[in-house]
Amino acid sequence: MRNDFMKLKEEFNAKHSVVRIPGLDPPWKIAVLVSWKDHCLVDLLHFWQQGKVPVQISCVISNHVREENTSVIRFLTRHKIPYHFIPATKKNKHEEEILQLISQTDFLVLAHYMQILSPEFLKTYGRDIINIHHGLLPSFKGANPYKQAYEAGVKLIGATSHFVTEELDDGPIIEQMIERVSHRDSLESFAMKSQYLEKACLVKAIKYYCDLRILHHGQRKTIVFD
């Protein structure tokens, strides 16, 4: 069997991973980075609570303050998941502090973290980072993809989960989900429909990753066994 896997590795230029056995091996240890929108984080926490995502959440890190009486903070406190507020400005994103907190994780999840991680951060961390983009890549990269899609008059909107690379919103795509829109939709309904897709798309990508269903294929592609 090992020889068969090695042949596949060479054929697809894939990374060589250690085989994990779901249910027997320890869960993947992750950290979650999030900004001010909670929808992707909340959905991930609910799936984790139900045992549907085989991860151990070591901490949640945000560049926005959340009050102690919010539902997210109450949930994290109840489940003893540390929450760290680390401010980010254009001059200082405090990446060294983040790296210290995530040093023991297996991979990192960006659940609507609206900051660009530096090449130095990516190199130092050295492990996979999964991001959710609120647009159908490769279209509508960068900021305000809802508005970009709305102004372009598209008939399909979507969400994309992908690996993070130095190029903004250009990493290998893991999963995409779409929904039809029309001239009847407003910018607000575009955002509402997209946020529903984002939640599901991120969780699905994490589950694929934990189940070892993803192979890197070259620099820009993945093979996903769904």
Protein backbone atom coordinates (compact mmCIF):
# COMPACT_ATOMS: atom_id res chain seq x y z
CA MET A 1 0.00 0.00 0.00
CA ARG A 2 2.85 2.38 0.81
CA ASN A 3 4.27 1.90 -2.68
CA ASP A 4 0.88 2.73 -4.20
CA PHE A 5 0.68 5.96 -2.20
CA MET A 6 4.21 6.90 -3.21
CA LYS A 7 3.34 6.40 -6.89
CA LEU A 8 0.33 8.70 -6.49
CA LYS A 9 2.53 11.24 -4.72
CA GLU A 10 5.01 11.30 -7.59
CA GLU A 11 2.32 11.37 -10.29
CA PHE A 12 0.47 14.35 -8.80
CA ASN A 13 3.46 16.11 -7.22
CA ALA A 14 1.63 15.80 -3.90
CA LYS A 15 2.91 16.40 -0.40
CA HIS A 16 3.72 13.29 1.60
CA SER A 17 1.53 13.19 4.71
CA VAL A 18 1.46 10.91 7.71
CA VAL A 19 -1.64 8.73 7.60
CA ARG A 20 -4.08 9.49 10.42
CA ILE A 21 -6.92 7.22 11.49
CA PRO A 22 -10.13 9.16 12.26
CA GLY A 23 -11.54 8.20 15.64
CA LEU A 24 -8.25 6.73 16.87
CA ASP A 25 -5.68 9.48 16.42
CA PRO A 26 -5.92 12.69 18.46
CA PRO A 27 -8.05 15.41 16.84
CA TRP A 28 -6.34 18.06 14.78
CA LYS A 29 -5.33 21.03 16.89
CA ILE A 30 -6.35 24.34 15.34
CA ALA A 31 -6.64 28.03 16.12
CA VAL A 32 -9.29 30.27 14.60
CA LEU A 33 -8.68 33.87 13.54
CA VAL A 34 -11.73 36.09 13.11
CA SER A 35 -12.54 39.78 12.74
CA TRP A 36 -15.88 41.37 13.61
CA LYS A 37 -18.33 39.15 11.71
CA ASP A 38 -19.24 36.04 13.71
CA HIS A 39 -21.26 33.90 11.29
CA CYS A 40 -18.46 31.57 10.14
CA LEU A 41 -17.04 31.22 13.65
CA VAL A 42 -20.44 30.50 15.21
CA ASP A 43 -21.25 27.81 12.65
CA LEU A 44 -17.85 26.17 13.14
CA LEU A 45 -18.30 26.19 16.93
CA HIS A 46 -21.72 24.56 16.66
CA PHE A 47 -20.43 21.80 14.38
CA TRP A 48 -17.49 21.29 16.75
CA GLN A 49 -19.85 21.07 19.74
CA GLN A 50 -21.87 18.39 17.93
CA GLY A 51 -18.72 16.36 17.25
CA LYS A 52 -19.01 16.80 13.48
CA VAL A 53 -15.63 18.49 13.04
CA PRO A 54 -12.72 16.39 14.41
CA VAL A 55 -10.63 19.25 15.78
CA GLN A 56 -9.44 20.60 19.09
CA ILE A 57 -9.83 24.38 19.13
CA SER A 58 -6.84 25.68 21.05
CA CYS A 59 -7.95 29.32 20.94
CA VAL A 60 -9.85 32.01 19.06
CA ILE A 61 -7.95 35.17 18.12
CA SER A 62 -9.56 38.39 16.94
CA ASN A 63 -8.54 41.92 16.08
CA HIS A 64 -11.90 43.16 17.38
CA VAL A 65 -13.06 43.44 20.98
CA ARG A 66 -16.03 41.32 22.06
CA GLU A 67 -17.87 42.03 25.28
CA GLU A 68 -18.11 39.30 27.91
CA ASN A 69 -21.90 39.07 27.64
CA THR A 70 -21.91 38.24 23.91
CA SER A 71 -23.03 34.77 22.87
CA VAL A 72 -19.64 33.93 21.33
CA ILE A 73 -17.68 34.79 24.48
CA ARG A 74 -20.16 32.94 26.68
CA PHE A 75 -19.83 29.85 24.47
CA LEU A 76 -16.03 29.98 24.49
CA THR A 77 -15.94 30.48 28.25
CA ARG A 78 -18.33 27.59 28.85
CA HIS A 79 -16.14 25.27 26.76
CA LYS A 80 -12.87 26.66 28.16
CA ILE A 81 -11.61 27.89 24.80
CA PRO A 82 -9.30 30.91 25.28
CA TYR A 83 -10.19 34.12 23.46
CA HIS A 84 -7.43 36.60 22.64
CA PHE A 85 -7.96 40.15 21.45
CA ILE A 86 -4.91 41.22 19.45
CA PRO A 87 -5.35 44.59 17.73
CA ALA A 88 -4.12 45.09 14.19
CA THR A 89 -3.18 48.34 12.49
CA LYS A 90 -1.50 49.06 9.18
CA LYS A 91 1.76 49.70 11.02
CA ASN A 92 1.60 46.80 13.48
CA LYS A 93 -0.46 43.62 13.15
CA HIS A 94 1.20 42.01 16.18
CA GLU A 95 1.94 38.88 14.17
CA GLU A 96 4.63 37.71 16.58
CA GLU A 97 2.04 37.50 19.36
CA ILE A 98 -0.26 35.48 17.13
CA LEU A 99 2.56 33.12 16.15
CA GLN A 100 3.30 32.43 19.80
CA LEU A 101 -0.33 31.50 20.46
CA ILE A 102 -0.61 29.17 17.45
CA SER A 103 2.83 27.55 17.62
CA GLN A 104 1.46 24.15 18.68
CA THR A 105 -1.39 23.94 16.18
CA ASP A 106 -1.63 21.56 13.21
CA PHE A 107 -3.27 24.11 10.92
CA LEU A 108 -4.92 27.51 11.07
CA VAL A 109 -8.43 28.63 10.12
CA LEU A 110 -9.32 32.16 9.00
CA ALA A 111 -13.05 32.50 9.67
CA HIS A 112 -13.56 35.93 8.10
CA TYR A 113 -10.28 37.36 9.36
CA MET A 114 -10.02 40.61 7.42
CA GLN A 115 -6.26 41.07 7.68
CA ILE A 116 -3.56 40.09 5.19
CA LEU A 117 -0.94 37.84 6.75
CA SER A 118 2.61 38.79 5.82
CA PRO A 119 5.00 36.50 3.90
CA GLU A 120 7.14 36.38 7.05
CA PHE A 121 4.16 35.12 9.05
CA LEU A 122 3.40 32.40 6.51
CA LYS A 123 7.02 31.29 6.36
CA THR A 124 7.42 31.21 10.15
CA TYR A 125 4.18 29.32 10.73
CA GLY A 126 5.02 26.86 7.97
CA ARG A 127 1.78 24.90 8.07
CA ASP A 128 -1.47 25.00 6.13
CA ILE A 129 -3.89 27.87 6.59
CA ILE A 130 -7.49 27.59 5.36
CA ASN A 131 -9.35 30.79 4.50
CA ILE A 132 -12.95 31.51 3.56
CA HIS A 133 -13.43 34.16 0.89
CA HIS A 134 -16.86 35.73 0.50
CA GLY A 135 -16.79 35.58 -3.27
CA LEU A 136 -16.48 33.11 -6.12
CA LEU A 137 -12.76 33.10 -6.85
CA PRO A 138 -10.88 33.82 -9.03
CA SER A 139 -13.41 36.63 -9.59
CA PHE A 140 -13.91 39.42 -7.06
CA LYS A 141 -10.68 39.15 -5.11
CA GLY A 142 -9.81 41.47 -2.25
CA ALA A 143 -12.18 43.76 -0.37
CA ASN A 144 -15.95 44.11 -0.82
CA PRO A 145 -16.64 41.08 -3.05
CA TYR A 146 -20.38 41.41 -2.29
CA LYS A 147 -20.37 44.90 -3.79
CA GLN A 148 -18.13 43.86 -6.67
CA ALA A 149 -20.49 41.03 -7.60
CA TYR A 150 -23.59 43.19 -7.20
CA GLU A 151 -22.22 45.96 -9.40
CA ALA A 152 -21.12 43.41 -12.02
CA GLY A 153 -24.70 42.15 -12.33
CA VAL A 154 -23.79 38.49 -11.82
CA LYS A 155 -26.44 35.78 -11.81
CA LEU A 156 -24.50 33.46 -9.51
CA ILE A 157 -22.80 34.36 -6.25
CA GLY A 158 -20.58 32.10 -4.22
CA ALA A 159 -18.08 31.44 -1.48
CA THR A 160 -14.63 29.90 -1.77
CA SER A 161 -12.48 28.08 0.77
CA HIS A 162 -8.83 27.95 -0.17
CA PHE A 163 -5.31 27.58 1.17
CA VAL A 164 -3.53 30.82 2.01
CA THR A 165 -0.47 31.85 0.00
CA GLU A 166 1.50 35.07 -0.32
CA GLU A 167 -0.72 36.18 -3.21
CA LEU A 168 -4.01 37.60 -1.94
CA ASP A 169 -6.97 35.24 -2.50
CA ASP A 170 -4.92 33.19 -4.96
CA GLY A 171 -4.20 29.97 -3.06
CA PRO A 172 -5.31 26.50 -4.19
CA ILE A 173 -9.09 26.18 -4.00
CA ILE A 174 -10.57 23.50 -1.73
CA GLU A 175 -14.32 24.03 -2.04
CA GLN A 176 -16.80 26.40 -3.68
CA MET A 177 -20.53 26.85 -3.25
CA ILE A 178 -22.92 28.92 -5.34
CA GLU A 179 -26.46 30.31 -5.31
CA ARG A 180 -28.48 32.01 -8.02
CA VAL A 181 -29.33 35.70 -7.75
CA SER A 182 -31.26 38.07 -10.00
CA HIS A 183 -32.11 41.70 -10.66
CA ARG A 184 -34.57 41.47 -7.76
CA ASP A 185 -31.75 41.08 -5.25
CA SER A 186 -30.31 44.02 -3.35
CA LEU A 187 -26.78 44.39 -2.08
CA GLU A 188 -28.08 43.34 1.35
CA SER A 189 -29.64 40.14 0.01
CA PHE A 190 -26.43 39.38 -1.89
CA ALA A 191 -24.56 39.55 1.41
CA MET A 192 -27.15 37.47 3.26
CA LYS A 193 -27.12 34.68 0.67
CA SER A 194 -23.33 34.73 0.49
CA GLN A 195 -22.92 34.48 4.26
CA TYR A 196 -25.03 31.31 4.29
CA LEU A 197 -22.70 29.82 1.67
CA GLU A 198 -19.56 30.94 3.51
CA LYS A 199 -20.48 29.09 6.71
CA ALA A 200 -21.10 25.79 4.95
CA CYS A 201 -18.13 26.14 2.61
CA LEU A 202 -15.63 26.70 5.41
CA VAL A 203 -16.84 23.79 7.55
CA LYS A 204 -16.81 21.48 4.54
CA ALA A 205 -13.22 22.43 3.71
CA ILE A 206 -12.12 21.79 7.29
CA LYS A 207 -13.79 18.38 7.30
CA TYR A 208 -12.13 17.48 3.99
CA TYR A 209 -8.77 18.48 5.42
CA CYS A 210 -9.23 16.52 8.64
CA ASP A 211 -10.35 13.44 6.70
CA LEU A 212 -7.22 13.65 4.50
CA ARG A 213 -9.31 14.08 1.37
CA ILE A 214 -7.16 16.87 -0.10
CA LEU A 215 -4.03 16.48 -2.20
CA HIS A 216 -1.99 19.45 -3.36
CA HIS A 217 -1.60 19.20 -7.14
CA GLY A 218 1.19 21.49 -8.27
CA GLN A 219 1.30 25.06 -7.02
CA ARG A 220 -2.25 26.21 -7.75
CA LYS A 221 -4.55 23.19 -7.69
CA THR A 222 -5.94 20.59 -5.33
CA ILE A 223 -7.46 17.16 -5.78
CA VAL A 224 -10.38 16.69 -3.38
CA PHE A 225 -11.92 13.27 -2.77
CA ASP A 226 -15.48 14.21 -1.88
